[in-house]
């Protein structure tokens, strides 16, 4: 039997541990989480507002979000 898919609350809790690399505060506190979509098959898509267009820390933020959400039980993939 497979695990149930992650909940929105579980994803938000995981994202609360992701700090903006330049500001050093959680992306959830900074209002950077634009959207969270969870498919029935466990695919999680997280939309993130960047602090500036062409943000040089885009890859770091993407990596941190993916690393925080990937371990959630029932998640099959993460797209940022």
PDB file of N, CA and C in Angstrom:
ATOM      1  N   UNK A   1       0.847  -1.177   0.000  1.00  0.00           N
ATOM      2  CA  UNK A   1       0.000   0.000   0.000  1.00  0.00           C
ATOM      3  C   UNK A   1       0.894   1.243   0.000  1.00  0.00           C
ATOM      4  N   UNK A   2       0.580   2.193  -0.830  1.00  0.00           N
ATOM      5  CA  UNK A   2       1.408   3.399  -0.902  1.00  0.00           C
ATOM      6  C   UNK A   2       0.969   4.409   0.150  1.00  0.00           C
ATOM      7  N   UNK A   3       1.887   5.306   0.480  1.00  0.00           N
ATOM      8  CA  UNK A   3       1.598   6.354   1.452  1.00  0.00           C
ATOM      9  C   UNK A   3       0.638   7.361   0.846  1.00  0.00           C
ATOM     10  N   UNK A   4      -0.197   7.975   1.681  1.00  0.00           N
ATOM     11  CA  UNK A   4      -1.033   9.059   1.151  1.00  0.00           C
ATOM     12  C   UNK A   4      -0.140  10.207   0.688  1.00  0.00           C
ATOM     13  N   UNK A   5      -0.650  10.996  -0.232  1.00  0.00           N
ATOM     14  CA  UNK A   5       0.141  12.119  -0.744  1.00  0.00           C
ATOM     15  C   UNK A   5       0.336  13.151   0.360  1.00  0.00           C
ATOM     16  N   UNK A   6       1.400  13.943   0.259  1.00  0.00           N
ATOM     17  CA  UNK A   6       1.627  14.990   1.273  1.00  0.00           C
ATOM     18  C   UNK A   6       0.474  15.991   1.275  1.00  0.00           C
ATOM     19  N   UNK A   7       0.224  16.568   2.420  1.00  0.00           N
ATOM     20  CA  UNK A   7      -0.810  17.610   2.525  1.00  0.00           C
ATOM     21  C   UNK A   7      -0.175  18.978   2.294  1.00  0.00           C
ATOM     22  N   UNK A   8      -1.001  19.951   2.045  1.00  0.00           N
ATOM     23  CA  UNK A   8      -0.526  21.335   1.882  1.00  0.00           C
ATOM     24  C   UNK A   8       0.191  21.794   3.155  1.00  0.00           C
ATOM     25  N   UNK A   9      -0.367  21.411   4.309  1.00  0.00           N
ATOM     26  CA  UNK A   9       0.228  21.804   5.589  1.00  0.00           C
ATOM     27  C   UNK A   9       1.624  21.193   5.754  1.00  0.00           C
ATOM     28  N   UNK A  10       1.798  19.937   5.333  1.00  0.00           N
ATOM     29  CA  UNK A  10       3.115  19.298   5.419  1.00  0.00           C
ATOM     30  C   UNK A  10       4.114  20.003   4.513  1.00  0.00           C
ATOM     31  N   UNK A  11       3.673  20.381   3.326  1.00  0.00           N
ATOM     32  CA  UNK A  11       4.561  21.089   2.394  1.00  0.00           C
ATOM     33  C   UNK A  11       4.935  22.451   2.982  1.00  0.00           C
ATOM     34  N   UNK A  12       3.956  23.172   3.526  1.00  0.00           N
ATOM     35  CA  UNK A  12       4.252  24.477   4.128  1.00  0.00           C
ATOM     36  C   UNK A  12       5.205  24.352   5.310  1.00  0.00           C
ATOM     37  N   UNK A  13       5.037  23.320   6.119  1.00  0.00           N
ATOM     38  CA  UNK A  13       5.945  23.100   7.246  1.00  0.00           C
ATOM     39  C   UNK A  13       7.360  22.852   6.740  1.00  0.00           C
ATOM     40  N   UNK A  14       7.490  22.051   5.689  1.00  0.00           N
ATOM     41  CA  UNK A  14       8.813  21.787   5.110  1.00  0.00           C
ATOM     42  C   UNK A  14       9.417  23.075   4.553  1.00  0.00           C
ATOM     43  N   UNK A  15       8.599  23.881   3.892  1.00  0.00           N
ATOM     44  CA  UNK A  15       9.090  25.132   3.296  1.00  0.00           C
ATOM     45  C   UNK A  15       9.475  26.157   4.348  1.00  0.00           C
ATOM     46  N   UNK A  16       8.899  26.065   5.540  1.00  0.00           N
ATOM     47  CA  UNK A  16       9.248  26.999   6.615  1.00  0.00           C
ATOM     48  C   UNK A  16      10.714  26.855   7.024  1.00  0.00           C
ATOM     49  N   UNK A  17      11.319  25.732   6.678  1.00  0.00           N
ATOM     50  CA  UNK A  17      12.733  25.515   6.969  1.00  0.00           C
ATOM     51  C   UNK A  17      13.662  25.980   5.865  1.00  0.00           C
ATOM     52  N   UNK A  18      13.095  26.545   4.801  1.00  0.00           N
ATOM     53  CA  UNK A  18      13.906  27.030   3.672  1.00  0.00           C
ATOM     54  C   UNK A  18      14.096  28.532   3.820  1.00  0.00           C
ATOM     55  N   UNK A  19      15.322  28.948   4.038  1.00  0.00           N
ATOM     56  CA  UNK A  19      15.639  30.372   4.161  1.00  0.00           C
ATOM     57  C   UNK A  19      16.055  30.952   2.828  1.00  0.00           C
ATOM     58  N   UNK A  20      15.660  32.196   2.590  1.00  0.00           N
ATOM     59  CA  UNK A  20      16.166  32.931   1.441  1.00  0.00           C
ATOM     60  C   UNK A  20      17.667  33.093   1.665  1.00  0.00           C
ATOM     61  N   UNK A  21      18.501  32.715   0.682  1.00  0.00           N
ATOM     62  CA  UNK A  21      19.955  32.760   0.886  1.00  0.00           C
ATOM     63  C   UNK A  21      20.519  34.154   1.123  1.00  0.00           C
ATOM     64  N   UNK A  22      19.857  35.185   0.642  1.00  0.00           N
ATOM     65  CA  UNK A  22      20.365  36.542   0.818  1.00  0.00           C
ATOM     66  C   UNK A  22      19.824  37.209   2.078  1.00  0.00           C
ATOM     67  N   UNK A  23      18.545  36.968   2.374  1.00  0.00           N
ATOM     68  CA  UNK A  23      17.902  37.646   3.502  1.00  0.00           C
ATOM     69  C   UNK A  23      18.023  36.828   4.787  1.00  0.00           C
ATOM     70  N   UNK A  24      18.122  35.509   4.645  1.00  0.00           N
ATOM     71  CA  UNK A  24      18.310  34.648   5.810  1.00  0.00           C
ATOM     72  C   UNK A  24      17.050  34.382   6.617  1.00  0.00           C
ATOM     73  N   UNK A  25      15.889  34.638   6.025  1.00  0.00           N
ATOM     74  CA  UNK A  25      14.615  34.365   6.701  1.00  0.00           C
ATOM     75  C   UNK A  25      13.835  33.346   5.885  1.00  0.00           C
ATOM     76  N   UNK A  26      12.931  32.613   6.523  1.00  0.00           N
ATOM     77  CA  UNK A  26      12.156  31.593   5.802  1.00  0.00           C
ATOM     78  C   UNK A  26      11.343  32.191   4.650  1.00  0.00           C
ATOM     79  N   UNK A  27      11.314  31.466   3.537  1.00  0.00           N
ATOM     80  CA  UNK A  27      10.569  31.949   2.377  1.00  0.00           C
ATOM     81  C   UNK A  27       9.071  32.041   2.677  1.00  0.00           C
ATOM     82  N   UNK A  28       8.599  31.257   3.640  1.00  0.00           N
ATOM     83  CA  UNK A  28       7.187  31.333   4.015  1.00  0.00           C
ATOM     84  C   UNK A  28       6.889  32.649   4.729  1.00  0.00           C
ATOM     85  N   UNK A  29       7.808  33.119   5.554  1.00  0.00           N
ATOM     86  CA  UNK A  29       7.626  34.400   6.261  1.00  0.00           C
ATOM     87  C   UNK A  29       7.743  35.586   5.324  1.00  0.00           C
ATOM     88  N   UNK A  30       8.528  35.436   4.283  1.00  0.00           N
ATOM     89  CA  UNK A  30       8.762  36.526   3.336  1.00  0.00           C
ATOM     90  C   UNK A  30       7.684  36.608   2.260  1.00  0.00           C
ATOM     91  N   UNK A  31       6.714  35.698   2.289  1.00  0.00           N
ATOM     92  CA  UNK A  31       5.649  35.705   1.293  1.00  0.00           C
ATOM     93  C   UNK A  31       6.101  35.267  -0.087  1.00  0.00           C
ATOM     94  N   UNK A  32       7.160  34.472  -0.134  1.00  0.00           N
ATOM     95  CA  UNK A  32       7.717  34.050  -1.413  1.00  0.00           C
ATOM     96  C   UNK A  32       7.031  32.812  -1.992  1.00  0.00           C
ATOM     97  N   UNK A  33       6.222  32.116  -1.199  1.00  0.00           N
ATOM     98  CA  UNK A  33       5.531  30.924  -1.697  1.00  0.00           C
ATOM     99  C   UNK A  33       4.279  31.386  -2.440  1.00  0.00           C
ATOM    100  N   UNK A  34       4.317  31.211  -3.743  1.00  0.00           N
ATOM    101  CA  UNK A  34       3.248  31.681  -4.628  1.00  0.00           C
ATOM    102  C   UNK A  34       2.115  30.650  -4.690  1.00  0.00           C
ATOM    103  N   UNK A  35       2.475  29.379  -4.807  1.00  0.00           N
ATOM    104  CA  UNK A  35       1.456  28.343  -4.949  1.00  0.00           C
ATOM    105  C   UNK A  35       2.020  26.988  -4.549  1.00  0.00           C
ATOM    106  N   UNK A  36       1.102  26.106  -4.151  1.00  0.00           N
ATOM    107  CA  UNK A  36       1.440  24.710  -3.861  1.00  0.00           C
ATOM    108  C   UNK A  36       0.366  23.868  -4.511  1.00  0.00           C
ATOM    109  N   UNK A  37       0.772  22.979  -5.394  1.00  0.00           N
ATOM    110  CA  UNK A  37      -0.159  22.065  -6.047  1.00  0.00           C
ATOM    111  C   UNK A  37       0.310  20.646  -5.783  1.00  0.00           C
ATOM    112  N   UNK A  38      -0.627  19.796  -5.357  1.00  0.00           N
ATOM    113  CA  UNK A  38      -0.309  18.413  -5.049  1.00  0.00           C
ATOM    114  C   UNK A  38      -1.223  17.530  -5.884  1.00  0.00           C
ATOM    115  N   UNK A  39      -0.629  16.749  -6.775  1.00  0.00           N
ATOM    116  CA  UNK A  39      -1.404  15.855  -7.640  1.00  0.00           C
ATOM    117  C   UNK A  39      -1.755  14.571  -6.893  1.00  0.00           C
ATOM    118  N   UNK A  40      -2.761  13.880  -7.373  1.00  0.00           N
ATOM    119  CA  UNK A  40      -3.204  12.632  -6.752  1.00  0.00           C
ATOM    120  C   UNK A  40      -2.115  11.560  -6.728  1.00  0.00           C
ATOM    121  N   UNK A  41      -1.154  11.659  -7.645  1.00  0.00           N
ATOM    122  CA  UNK A  41      -0.075  10.668  -7.691  1.00  0.00           C
ATOM    123  C   UNK A  41       1.148  11.083  -6.869  1.00  0.00           C
ATOM    124  N   UNK A  42       1.037  12.184  -6.102  1.00  0.00           N
ATOM    125  CA  UNK A  42       2.123  12.595  -5.223  1.00  0.00           C
ATOM    126  C   UNK A  42       3.080  13.617  -5.795  1.00  0.00           C
ATOM    127  N   UNK A  43       2.857  14.041  -7.035  1.00  0.00           N
ATOM    128  CA  UNK A  43       3.715  15.094  -7.600  1.00  0.00           C
ATOM    129  C   UNK A  43       3.391  16.411  -6.929  1.00  0.00           C
ATOM    130  N   UNK A  44       4.426  17.102  -6.476  1.00  0.00           N
ATOM    131  CA  UNK A  44       4.246  18.382  -5.787  1.00  0.00           C
ATOM    132  C   UNK A  44       4.876  19.487  -6.643  1.00  0.00           C
ATOM    133  N   UNK A  45       4.109  20.537  -6.894  1.00  0.00           N
ATOM    134  CA  UNK A  45       4.618  21.703  -7.617  1.00  0.00           C
ATOM    135  C   UNK A  45       4.549  22.896  -6.676  1.00  0.00           C
ATOM    136  N   UNK A  46       5.679  23.575  -6.525  1.00  0.00           N
ATOM    137  CA  UNK A  46       5.749  24.738  -5.653  1.00  0.00           C
ATOM    138  C   UNK A  46       6.147  25.943  -6.505  1.00  0.00           C
ATOM    139  N   UNK A  47       5.310  26.965  -6.484  1.00  0.00           N
ATOM    140  CA  UNK A  47       5.628  28.211  -7.165  1.00  0.00           C
ATOM    141  C   UNK A  47       6.272  29.157  -6.164  1.00  0.00           C
ATOM    142  N   UNK A  48       7.375  29.772  -6.548  1.00  0.00           N
ATOM    143  CA  UNK A  48       8.103  30.661  -5.640  1.00  0.00           C
ATOM    144  C   UNK A  48       8.321  32.009  -6.314  1.00  0.00           C
ATOM    145  N   UNK A  49       7.943  33.067  -5.599  1.00  0.00           N
ATOM    146  CA  UNK A  49       8.267  34.423  -6.050  1.00  0.00           C
ATOM    147  C   UNK A  49       9.727  34.690  -5.708  1.00  0.00           C
ATOM    148  N   UNK A  50      10.485  35.168  -6.672  1.00  0.00           N
ATOM    149  CA  UNK A  50      11.878  35.535  -6.418  1.00  0.00           C
ATOM    150  C   UNK A  50      11.927  36.996  -5.983  1.00  0.00           C
ATOM    151  N   UNK A  51      12.966  37.338  -5.233  1.00  0.00           N
ATOM    152  CA  UNK A  51      13.066  38.700  -4.698  1.00  0.00           C
ATOM    153  C   UNK A  51      13.268  39.737  -5.803  1.00  0.00           C
ATOM    154  N   UNK A  52      13.947  39.354  -6.878  1.00  0.00           N
ATOM    155  CA  UNK A  52      14.137  40.250  -8.024  1.00  0.00           C
ATOM    156  C   UNK A  52      14.112  39.423  -9.305  1.00  0.00           C
ATOM    157  N   UNK A  53      13.747  40.054 -10.411  1.00  0.00           N
ATOM    158  CA  UNK A  53      13.796  39.369 -11.701  1.00  0.00           C
ATOM    159  C   UNK A  53      15.252  39.003 -11.996  1.00  0.00           C
ATOM    160  N   UNK A  54      15.467  37.805 -12.486  1.00  0.00           N
ATOM    161  CA  UNK A  54      16.830  37.362 -12.769  1.00  0.00           C
ATOM    162  C   UNK A  54      17.623  37.103 -11.499  1.00  0.00           C
ATOM    163  N   UNK A  55      16.936  36.737 -10.442  1.00  0.00           N
ATOM    164  CA  UNK A  55      17.562  36.519  -9.129  1.00  0.00           C
ATOM    165  C   UNK A  55      18.758  35.583  -9.238  1.00  0.00           C
ATOM    166  N   UNK A  56      19.934  36.024  -8.783  1.00  0.00           N
ATOM    167  CA  UNK A  56      21.127  35.183  -8.879  1.00  0.00           C
ATOM    168  C   UNK A  56      21.052  33.956  -7.959  1.00  0.00           C
ATOM    169  N   UNK A  57      20.148  33.974  -6.998  1.00  0.00           N
ATOM    170  CA  UNK A  57      20.023  32.853  -6.063  1.00  0.00           C
ATOM    171  C   UNK A  57      18.915  31.889  -6.463  1.00  0.00           C
ATOM    172  N   UNK A  58      18.401  32.021  -7.681  1.00  0.00           N
ATOM    173  CA  UNK A  58      17.312  31.163  -8.152  1.00  0.00           C
ATOM    174  C   UNK A  58      17.647  29.684  -8.002  1.00  0.00           C
ATOM    175  N   UNK A  59      18.818  29.277  -8.458  1.00  0.00           N
ATOM    176  CA  UNK A  59      19.190  27.863  -8.385  1.00  0.00           C
ATOM    177  C   UNK A  59      19.304  27.383  -6.944  1.00  0.00           C
ATOM    178  N   UNK A  60      19.830  28.229  -6.076  1.00  0.00           N
ATOM    179  CA  UNK A  60      19.964  27.861  -4.663  1.00  0.00           C
ATOM    180  C   UNK A  60      18.589  27.696  -4.020  1.00  0.00           C
ATOM    181  N   UNK A  61      17.681  28.600  -4.321  1.00  0.00           N
ATOM    182  CA  UNK A  61      16.327  28.510  -3.768  1.00  0.00           C
ATOM    183  C   UNK A  61      15.628  27.268  -4.304  1.00  0.00           C
ATOM    184  N   UNK A  62      15.748  27.013  -5.596  1.00  0.00           N
ATOM    185  CA  UNK A  62      15.137  25.823  -6.203  1.00  0.00           C
ATOM    186  C   UNK A  62      15.670  24.560  -5.543  1.00  0.00           C
ATOM    187  N   UNK A  63      16.963  24.499  -5.348  1.00  0.00           N
ATOM    188  CA  UNK A  63      17.590  23.338  -4.720  1.00  0.00           C
ATOM    189  C   UNK A  63      17.114  23.156  -3.281  1.00  0.00           C
ATOM    190  N   UNK A  64      17.024  24.248  -2.542  1.00  0.00           N
ATOM    191  CA  UNK A  64      16.594  24.182  -1.136  1.00  0.00           C
ATOM    192  C   UNK A  64      15.134  23.748  -1.023  1.00  0.00           C
ATOM    193  N   UNK A  65      14.282  24.276  -1.885  1.00  0.00           N
ATOM    194  CA  UNK A  65      12.862  23.902  -1.866  1.00  0.00           C
ATOM    195  C   UNK A  65      12.720  22.418  -2.221  1.00  0.00           C
ATOM    196  N   UNK A  66      13.414  21.992  -3.264  1.00  0.00           N
ATOM    197  CA  UNK A  66      13.358  20.589  -3.665  1.00  0.00           C
ATOM    198  C   UNK A  66      13.850  19.685  -2.541  1.00  0.00           C
ATOM    199  N   UNK A  67      14.947  20.065  -1.906  1.00  0.00           N
ATOM    200  CA  UNK A  67      15.504  19.275  -0.812  1.00  0.00           C
ATOM    201  C   UNK A  67      14.595  19.201   0.407  1.00  0.00           C
ATOM    202  N   UNK A  68      13.829  20.253   0.645  1.00  0.00           N
ATOM    203  CA  UNK A  68      12.932  20.277   1.802  1.00  0.00           C
ATOM    204  C   UNK A  68      11.669  19.461   1.563  1.00  0.00           C
ATOM    205  N   UNK A  69      11.159  19.493   0.339  1.00  0.00           N
ATOM    206  CA  UNK A  69       9.874  18.852   0.047  1.00  0.00           C
ATOM    207  C   UNK A  69      10.038  17.390  -0.373  1.00  0.00           C
ATOM    208  N   UNK A  70      11.139  17.052  -1.021  1.00  0.00           N
ATOM    209  CA  UNK A  70      11.349  15.685  -1.523  1.00  0.00           C
ATOM    210  C   UNK A  70      11.191  14.581  -0.480  1.00  0.00           C
ATOM    211  N   UNK A  71      11.672  14.756   0.760  1.00  0.00           N
ATOM    212  CA  UNK A  71      11.561  13.671   1.735  1.00  0.00           C
ATOM    213  C   UNK A  71      10.152  13.403   2.272  1.00  0.00           C
ATOM    214  N   UNK A  72       9.188  14.251   1.952  1.00  0.00           N
ATOM    215  CA  UNK A  72       7.844  14.057   2.491  1.00  0.00           C
ATOM    216  C   UNK A  72       7.260  12.722   2.033  1.00  0.00           C
ATOM    217  N   UNK A  73       6.686  12.007   2.963  1.00  0.00           N
ATOM    218  CA  UNK A  73       6.077  10.711   2.686  1.00  0.00           C
ATOM    219  C   UNK A  73       4.957  10.852   1.671  1.00  0.00           C
ATOM    220  N   UNK A  74       4.964  10.003   0.669  1.00  0.00           N
ATOM    221  CA  UNK A  74       3.928  10.015  -0.350  1.00  0.00           C
ATOM    222  C   UNK A  74       4.222  10.904  -1.537  1.00  0.00           C
ATOM    223  N   UNK A  75       5.240  11.742  -1.419  1.00  0.00           N
ATOM    224  CA  UNK A  75       5.623  12.601  -2.545  1.00  0.00           C
ATOM    225  C   UNK A  75       6.411  11.796  -3.562  1.00  0.00           C
ATOM    226  N   UNK A  76       6.113  11.999  -4.838  1.00  0.00           N
ATOM    227  CA  UNK A  76       6.815  11.251  -5.875  1.00  0.00           C
ATOM    228  C   UNK A  76       7.797  12.100  -6.650  1.00  0.00           C
ATOM    229  N   UNK A  77       7.547  13.409  -6.721  1.00  0.00           N
ATOM    230  CA  UNK A  77       8.467  14.325  -7.399  1.00  0.00           C
ATOM    231  C   UNK A  77       8.157  15.744  -6.960  1.00  0.00           C
ATOM    232  N   UNK A  78       9.133  16.621  -7.184  1.00  0.00           N
ATOM    233  CA  UNK A  78       8.961  18.029  -6.810  1.00  0.00           C
ATOM    234  C   UNK A  78       9.358  18.880  -8.012  1.00  0.00           C
ATOM    235  N   UNK A  79       8.500  19.839  -8.353  1.00  0.00           N
ATOM    236  CA  UNK A  79       8.813  20.798  -9.413  1.00  0.00           C
ATOM    237  C   UNK A  79       8.692  22.184  -8.801  1.00  0.00           C
ATOM    238  N   UNK A  80       9.722  22.991  -9.022  1.00  0.00           N
ATOM    239  CA  UNK A  80       9.723  24.351  -8.474  1.00  0.00           C
ATOM    240  C   UNK A  80       9.648  25.324  -9.633  1.00  0.00           C
TER     241      UNK A  80
END
